[in-house]
Amino acid sequence: MGFTQEANIRHFHFQRVLPRARPTSAPNIVRFTMNADMTLFARYRIPVQEGPALCLQILTETMAGLDEASSQSASYALTLEHFTSFALARTKDQEAKLARRKPRPPFKPTGASQLKWPRVN
C-alpha cells in the first residue's frame, strides 16, 4: 500500500483481505506495518527497491503459521537477521546464475574478415 518515513526508519504498509462467509458482506481487511532501518539497506548493499519484497517475504513466512480467523493488524520490525539472510540468499542466487552460464569462446576473426589484430612489436 506504500510507505512512510520518519528519520532513518521506513514504514512499509501492507494489507490482507480476508473473505467473509457471505459474499454480500464487506471483506475483512487486516493491516500490517513493517519497520525497516534504512542504514541496514546500505550496510548490506540491498537496493531500497527490494524493501517491499523483503517485507512481503517475512510477512508471508509469519502468516503461514497463523489461522486466517486469528489474523489481526500488527506491526513488525525488520531485524539484522532478516537483512543478513536476505543478502546471503541473494548472493547465493547470483553465484548460481553465474555457474549456469556457458563460457563464451574467445573472439577470433575469420580469414575473410576485414578486422585485423594490431601487430605487437
N, C-alpha and C. Protein backbone atom coordinates (compact mmCIF):
# COMPACT_ATOMS: atom_id res chain seq x y z
N MET A 1 0.82 -1.19 0.00
CA MET A 1 0.00 0.00 0.00
C MET A 1 0.86 1.25 0.00
N GLY A 2 2.15 1.10 0.20
CA GLY A 2 3.01 2.27 0.20
C GLY A 2 3.91 2.28 1.41
N PHE A 3 4.50 3.44 1.65
CA PHE A 3 5.39 3.57 2.80
C PHE A 3 5.38 5.00 3.30
N THR A 4 5.82 5.17 4.54
CA THR A 4 6.09 6.48 5.11
C THR A 4 7.48 6.40 5.73
N GLN A 5 8.10 7.54 5.95
CA GLN A 5 9.44 7.52 6.52
C GLN A 5 9.55 8.58 7.59
N GLU A 6 10.14 8.19 8.70
CA GLU A 6 10.44 9.09 9.81
C GLU A 6 11.91 8.91 10.13
N ALA A 7 12.70 9.95 9.90
CA ALA A 7 14.15 9.90 10.09
C ALA A 7 14.72 8.74 9.28
N ASN A 8 15.40 7.79 9.91
CA ASN A 8 16.01 6.66 9.20
C ASN A 8 15.14 5.41 9.18
N ILE A 9 13.93 5.50 9.65
CA ILE A 9 13.04 4.35 9.70
C ILE A 9 11.97 4.49 8.62
N ARG A 10 11.89 3.49 7.76
CA ARG A 10 10.86 3.47 6.73
C ARG A 10 9.80 2.47 7.15
N HIS A 11 8.55 2.89 7.08
CA HIS A 11 7.41 2.05 7.46
C HIS A 11 6.70 1.61 6.18
N PHE A 12 6.82 0.31 5.86
CA PHE A 12 6.14 -0.25 4.70
C PHE A 12 4.77 -0.73 5.15
N HIS A 13 3.73 -0.36 4.40
CA HIS A 13 2.35 -0.69 4.77
C HIS A 13 1.79 -1.74 3.81
N PHE A 14 1.19 -2.78 4.39
CA PHE A 14 0.57 -3.86 3.63
C PHE A 14 -0.82 -4.08 4.17
N GLN A 15 -1.67 -4.67 3.36
CA GLN A 15 -2.99 -5.08 3.84
C GLN A 15 -3.34 -6.44 3.28
N ARG A 16 -4.05 -7.20 4.07
CA ARG A 16 -4.51 -8.53 3.67
C ARG A 16 -6.02 -8.52 3.71
N VAL A 17 -6.63 -8.98 2.64
CA VAL A 17 -8.09 -9.02 2.56
C VAL A 17 -8.53 -10.46 2.80
N LEU A 18 -9.30 -10.64 3.88
CA LEU A 18 -9.83 -11.95 4.22
C LEU A 18 -11.27 -12.05 3.75
N PRO A 19 -11.62 -13.07 3.00
CA PRO A 19 -13.00 -13.19 2.52
C PRO A 19 -13.96 -13.50 3.67
N ARG A 20 -15.17 -13.05 3.54
CA ARG A 20 -16.23 -13.32 4.53
C ARG A 20 -17.01 -14.55 4.11
N ALA A 21 -17.77 -15.09 5.03
CA ALA A 21 -18.57 -16.28 4.75
C ALA A 21 -19.64 -15.97 3.71
N ARG A 22 -20.29 -14.83 3.85
CA ARG A 22 -21.33 -14.44 2.89
C ARG A 22 -20.73 -13.47 1.89
N PRO A 23 -20.98 -13.68 0.61
CA PRO A 23 -20.40 -12.80 -0.39
C PRO A 23 -20.94 -11.37 -0.37
N THR A 24 -22.10 -11.13 0.26
CA THR A 24 -22.67 -9.79 0.26
C THR A 24 -22.01 -8.89 1.30
N SER A 25 -21.41 -9.47 2.31
CA SER A 25 -20.79 -8.64 3.35
C SER A 25 -19.41 -8.15 2.90
N ALA A 26 -18.99 -7.05 3.48
CA ALA A 26 -17.71 -6.45 3.12
C ALA A 26 -16.56 -7.34 3.60
N PRO A 27 -15.46 -7.38 2.85
CA PRO A 27 -14.32 -8.21 3.27
C PRO A 27 -13.65 -7.64 4.51
N ASN A 28 -13.02 -8.51 5.26
CA ASN A 28 -12.28 -8.11 6.46
C ASN A 28 -10.87 -7.74 6.03
N ILE A 29 -10.44 -6.53 6.34
CA ILE A 29 -9.11 -6.06 5.95
C ILE A 29 -8.22 -6.02 7.18
N VAL A 30 -7.05 -6.65 7.06
CA VAL A 30 -6.07 -6.67 8.13
C VAL A 30 -4.86 -5.88 7.63
N ARG A 31 -4.40 -4.92 8.41
CA ARG A 31 -3.27 -4.07 8.01
C ARG A 31 -2.01 -4.47 8.77
N PHE A 32 -0.89 -4.41 8.03
CA PHE A 32 0.42 -4.72 8.61
C PHE A 32 1.38 -3.60 8.29
N THR A 33 2.26 -3.33 9.23
CA THR A 33 3.31 -2.34 9.02
C THR A 33 4.65 -3.00 9.32
N MET A 34 5.57 -2.85 8.39
CA MET A 34 6.93 -3.38 8.56
C MET A 34 7.87 -2.19 8.69
N ASN A 35 8.61 -2.13 9.79
CA ASN A 35 9.53 -1.02 10.05
C ASN A 35 10.95 -1.46 9.72
N ALA A 36 11.63 -0.68 8.89
CA ALA A 36 12.99 -1.03 8.45
C ALA A 36 13.92 0.15 8.65
N ASP A 37 15.08 -0.14 9.21
CA ASP A 37 16.13 0.86 9.38
C ASP A 37 16.86 1.01 8.05
N MET A 38 16.86 2.20 7.50
CA MET A 38 17.44 2.43 6.17
C MET A 38 18.96 2.25 6.15
N THR A 39 19.62 2.40 7.29
CA THR A 39 21.07 2.21 7.31
C THR A 39 21.44 0.75 7.04
N LEU A 40 20.54 -0.19 7.39
CA LEU A 40 20.82 -1.61 7.13
C LEU A 40 20.75 -1.93 5.64
N PHE A 41 19.92 -1.21 4.89
CA PHE A 41 19.89 -1.40 3.45
C PHE A 41 21.26 -1.05 2.86
N ALA A 42 21.83 0.06 3.32
CA ALA A 42 23.13 0.49 2.81
C ALA A 42 24.24 -0.46 3.27
N ARG A 43 24.18 -0.89 4.52
CA ARG A 43 25.22 -1.76 5.07
C ARG A 43 25.30 -3.08 4.31
N TYR A 44 24.15 -3.64 3.96
CA TYR A 44 24.13 -4.94 3.28
C TYR A 44 23.98 -4.82 1.76
N ARG A 45 24.08 -3.59 1.26
CA ARG A 45 24.02 -3.30 -0.18
C ARG A 45 22.76 -3.90 -0.82
N ILE A 46 21.65 -3.71 -0.13
CA ILE A 46 20.36 -4.14 -0.65
C ILE A 46 19.68 -2.89 -1.20
N PRO A 47 19.30 -2.90 -2.48
CA PRO A 47 18.62 -1.72 -3.03
C PRO A 47 17.31 -1.46 -2.29
N VAL A 48 16.99 -0.20 -2.08
CA VAL A 48 15.78 0.18 -1.37
C VAL A 48 14.54 -0.36 -2.09
N GLN A 49 14.64 -0.50 -3.41
CA GLN A 49 13.51 -1.01 -4.18
C GLN A 49 13.18 -2.46 -3.82
N GLU A 50 14.12 -3.17 -3.21
CA GLU A 50 13.86 -4.55 -2.79
C GLU A 50 13.24 -4.62 -1.40
N GLY A 51 13.05 -3.48 -0.75
CA GLY A 51 12.47 -3.43 0.58
C GLY A 51 11.08 -4.06 0.66
N PRO A 52 10.16 -3.70 -0.24
CA PRO A 52 8.83 -4.33 -0.18
C PRO A 52 8.89 -5.84 -0.38
N ALA A 53 9.77 -6.32 -1.25
CA ALA A 53 9.89 -7.77 -1.46
C ALA A 53 10.40 -8.46 -0.20
N LEU A 54 11.37 -7.85 0.46
CA LEU A 54 11.89 -8.39 1.72
C LEU A 54 10.80 -8.43 2.78
N CYS A 55 10.05 -7.35 2.90
CA CYS A 55 8.96 -7.29 3.88
C CYS A 55 7.88 -8.33 3.58
N LEU A 56 7.51 -8.45 2.31
CA LEU A 56 6.48 -9.40 1.93
C LEU A 56 6.92 -10.84 2.20
N GLN A 57 8.19 -11.12 1.98
CA GLN A 57 8.73 -12.46 2.27
C GLN A 57 8.60 -12.77 3.76
N ILE A 58 8.92 -11.82 4.61
CA ILE A 58 8.83 -12.02 6.05
C ILE A 58 7.38 -12.15 6.49
N LEU A 59 6.51 -11.31 5.95
CA LEU A 59 5.08 -11.40 6.27
C LEU A 59 4.49 -12.74 5.84
N THR A 60 4.87 -13.21 4.68
CA THR A 60 4.37 -14.49 4.18
C THR A 60 4.80 -15.62 5.10
N GLU A 61 6.06 -15.61 5.53
CA GLU A 61 6.55 -16.64 6.44
C GLU A 61 5.82 -16.56 7.78
N THR A 62 5.57 -15.36 8.25
CA THR A 62 4.89 -15.17 9.53
C THR A 62 3.44 -15.63 9.46
N MET A 63 2.78 -15.27 8.37
CA MET A 63 1.36 -15.60 8.22
C MET A 63 1.11 -17.07 7.88
N ALA A 64 2.12 -17.77 7.41
CA ALA A 64 1.94 -19.17 7.02
C ALA A 64 1.53 -20.03 8.21
N GLY A 65 2.00 -19.70 9.39
CA GLY A 65 1.68 -20.50 10.57
C GLY A 65 0.43 -20.06 11.30
N LEU A 66 -0.21 -18.98 10.87
CA LEU A 66 -1.38 -18.46 11.57
C LEU A 66 -2.67 -18.84 10.86
N ASP A 67 -3.73 -18.93 11.62
CA ASP A 67 -5.06 -19.19 11.08
C ASP A 67 -5.64 -17.86 10.58
N GLU A 68 -6.38 -17.90 9.46
CA GLU A 68 -6.95 -16.67 8.90
C GLU A 68 -7.89 -15.99 9.87
N ALA A 69 -8.62 -16.77 10.66
CA ALA A 69 -9.58 -16.19 11.59
C ALA A 69 -8.89 -15.42 12.72
N SER A 70 -7.68 -15.83 13.05
CA SER A 70 -6.97 -15.17 14.15
C SER A 70 -6.11 -14.00 13.68
N SER A 71 -6.12 -13.70 12.38
CA SER A 71 -5.31 -12.60 11.84
C SER A 71 -5.83 -11.26 12.36
N GLN A 72 -4.89 -10.42 12.79
CA GLN A 72 -5.24 -9.07 13.23
C GLN A 72 -4.12 -8.13 12.84
N SER A 73 -4.43 -6.85 12.79
CA SER A 73 -3.44 -5.86 12.40
C SER A 73 -2.24 -5.94 13.34
N ALA A 74 -1.05 -5.76 12.76
CA ALA A 74 0.17 -5.86 13.57
C ALA A 74 1.27 -5.02 12.94
N SER A 75 2.30 -4.80 13.72
CA SER A 75 3.47 -4.07 13.27
C SER A 75 4.69 -4.92 13.57
N TYR A 76 5.58 -5.04 12.60
CA TYR A 76 6.78 -5.85 12.75
C TYR A 76 7.99 -4.99 12.41
N ALA A 77 9.14 -5.39 12.91
CA ALA A 77 10.39 -4.70 12.61
C ALA A 77 11.33 -5.65 11.90
N LEU A 78 11.98 -5.15 10.87
CA LEU A 78 13.00 -5.93 10.17
C LEU A 78 14.25 -5.91 11.04
N THR A 79 14.78 -7.08 11.32
CA THR A 79 15.95 -7.18 12.19
C THR A 79 17.22 -7.39 11.37
N LEU A 80 18.32 -7.35 12.06
CA LEU A 80 19.62 -7.60 11.45
C LEU A 80 19.66 -8.99 10.81
N GLU A 81 19.03 -9.96 11.47
CA GLU A 81 19.00 -11.33 10.94
C GLU A 81 18.23 -11.40 9.61
N HIS A 82 17.13 -10.64 9.50
CA HIS A 82 16.38 -10.61 8.25
C HIS A 82 17.25 -10.10 7.11
N PHE A 83 17.99 -9.03 7.36
CA PHE A 83 18.84 -8.46 6.32
C PHE A 83 19.97 -9.39 5.95
N THR A 84 20.61 -10.02 6.93
CA THR A 84 21.73 -10.92 6.63
C THR A 84 21.25 -12.14 5.84
N SER A 85 20.12 -12.71 6.21
CA SER A 85 19.63 -13.88 5.49
C SER A 85 19.20 -13.50 4.07
N PHE A 86 18.58 -12.33 3.89
CA PHE A 86 18.17 -11.88 2.56
C PHE A 86 19.40 -11.63 1.69
N ALA A 87 20.42 -10.98 2.25
CA ALA A 87 21.64 -10.70 1.48
C ALA A 87 22.37 -12.00 1.13
N LEU A 88 22.41 -12.95 2.04
CA LEU A 88 23.07 -14.22 1.79
C LEU A 88 22.34 -15.00 0.70
N ALA A 89 21.02 -15.03 0.76
CA ALA A 89 20.23 -15.73 -0.26
C ALA A 89 20.41 -15.08 -1.63
N ARG A 90 20.46 -13.76 -1.65
CA ARG A 90 20.64 -13.05 -2.91
C ARG A 90 22.02 -13.35 -3.50
N THR A 91 23.05 -13.42 -2.65
CA THR A 91 24.40 -13.74 -3.11
C THR A 91 24.46 -15.15 -3.67
N LYS A 92 23.81 -16.09 -3.00
CA LYS A 92 23.78 -17.48 -3.49
C LYS A 92 23.07 -17.57 -4.83
N ASP A 93 21.98 -16.82 -5.00
CA ASP A 93 21.26 -16.82 -6.27
C ASP A 93 22.14 -16.28 -7.40
N GLN A 94 22.88 -15.21 -7.11
CA GLN A 94 23.74 -14.62 -8.13
C GLN A 94 24.87 -15.58 -8.50
N GLU A 95 25.44 -16.27 -7.50
CA GLU A 95 26.51 -17.23 -7.78
C GLU A 95 25.98 -18.40 -8.60
N ALA A 96 24.76 -18.85 -8.31
CA ALA A 96 24.17 -19.95 -9.07
C ALA A 96 23.93 -19.54 -10.52
N LYS A 97 23.50 -18.29 -10.74
CA LYS A 97 23.31 -17.79 -12.11
C LYS A 97 24.62 -17.79 -12.88
N LEU A 98 25.69 -17.33 -12.22
CA LEU A 98 26.99 -17.30 -12.89
C LEU A 98 27.49 -18.70 -13.20
N ALA A 99 27.21 -19.66 -12.31
CA ALA A 99 27.66 -21.03 -12.53
C ALA A 99 26.92 -21.68 -13.70
N ARG A 100 25.66 -21.27 -13.94
CA ARG A 100 24.88 -21.85 -15.04
C ARG A 100 25.25 -21.27 -16.40
N ARG A 101 25.92 -20.16 -16.41
CA ARG A 101 26.28 -19.52 -17.68
C ARG A 101 27.30 -20.35 -18.45
N LYS A 102 27.13 -20.39 -19.75
CA LYS A 102 28.11 -21.03 -20.61
C LYS A 102 29.25 -20.05 -20.84
N PRO A 103 30.48 -20.52 -20.75
CA PRO A 103 31.58 -19.60 -21.06
C PRO A 103 31.63 -19.33 -22.56
N ARG A 104 31.89 -18.10 -22.90
CA ARG A 104 31.97 -17.72 -24.31
C ARG A 104 33.37 -18.05 -24.83
N PRO A 105 33.44 -18.58 -26.05
CA PRO A 105 34.76 -18.83 -26.62
C PRO A 105 35.42 -17.48 -26.95
N PRO A 106 36.73 -17.43 -26.89
CA PRO A 106 37.40 -16.16 -27.21
C PRO A 106 37.15 -15.77 -28.66
N PHE A 107 37.07 -14.48 -28.90
CA PHE A 107 36.80 -13.97 -30.24
C PHE A 107 38.04 -14.14 -31.11
N LYS A 108 37.83 -14.70 -32.29
CA LYS A 108 38.91 -14.83 -33.25
C LYS A 108 38.33 -14.53 -34.63
N PRO A 109 38.81 -13.47 -35.28
CA PRO A 109 38.27 -13.13 -36.60
C PRO A 109 38.62 -14.19 -37.63
N THR A 110 37.72 -14.40 -38.56
CA THR A 110 37.97 -15.36 -39.64
C THR A 110 38.93 -14.74 -40.66
N GLY A 111 39.44 -15.57 -41.57
CA GLY A 111 40.38 -15.08 -42.58
C GLY A 111 39.75 -14.09 -43.54
N ALA A 112 38.44 -14.22 -43.80
CA ALA A 112 37.76 -13.32 -44.73
C ALA A 112 37.36 -12.00 -44.06
N SER A 113 37.52 -11.92 -42.76
CA SER A 113 37.10 -10.72 -42.04
C SER A 113 38.05 -9.56 -42.32
N GLN A 114 37.53 -8.35 -42.32
CA GLN A 114 38.36 -7.17 -42.50
C GLN A 114 38.95 -6.71 -41.18
N LEU A 115 38.52 -7.33 -40.10
CA LEU A 115 39.06 -6.98 -38.79
C LEU A 115 40.41 -7.65 -38.60
N LYS A 116 41.40 -6.89 -38.30
CA LYS A 116 42.74 -7.43 -38.11
C LYS A 116 43.25 -7.04 -36.73
N TRP A 117 43.93 -7.96 -36.12
CA TRP A 117 44.54 -7.68 -34.81
C TRP A 117 45.73 -6.76 -35.02
N PRO A 118 45.96 -5.83 -34.09
CA PRO A 118 47.14 -4.95 -34.22
C PRO A 118 48.41 -5.77 -34.00
N ARG A 119 49.47 -5.35 -34.70
CA ARG A 119 50.76 -6.03 -34.53
C ARG A 119 51.40 -5.61 -33.22
N VAL A 120 51.99 -6.58 -32.58
CA VAL A 120 52.71 -6.31 -31.34
C VAL A 120 54.19 -6.44 -31.65
N ASN A 121 54.93 -5.38 -31.40
CA ASN A 121 56.37 -5.42 -31.67
C ASN A 121 57.15 -5.74 -30.44
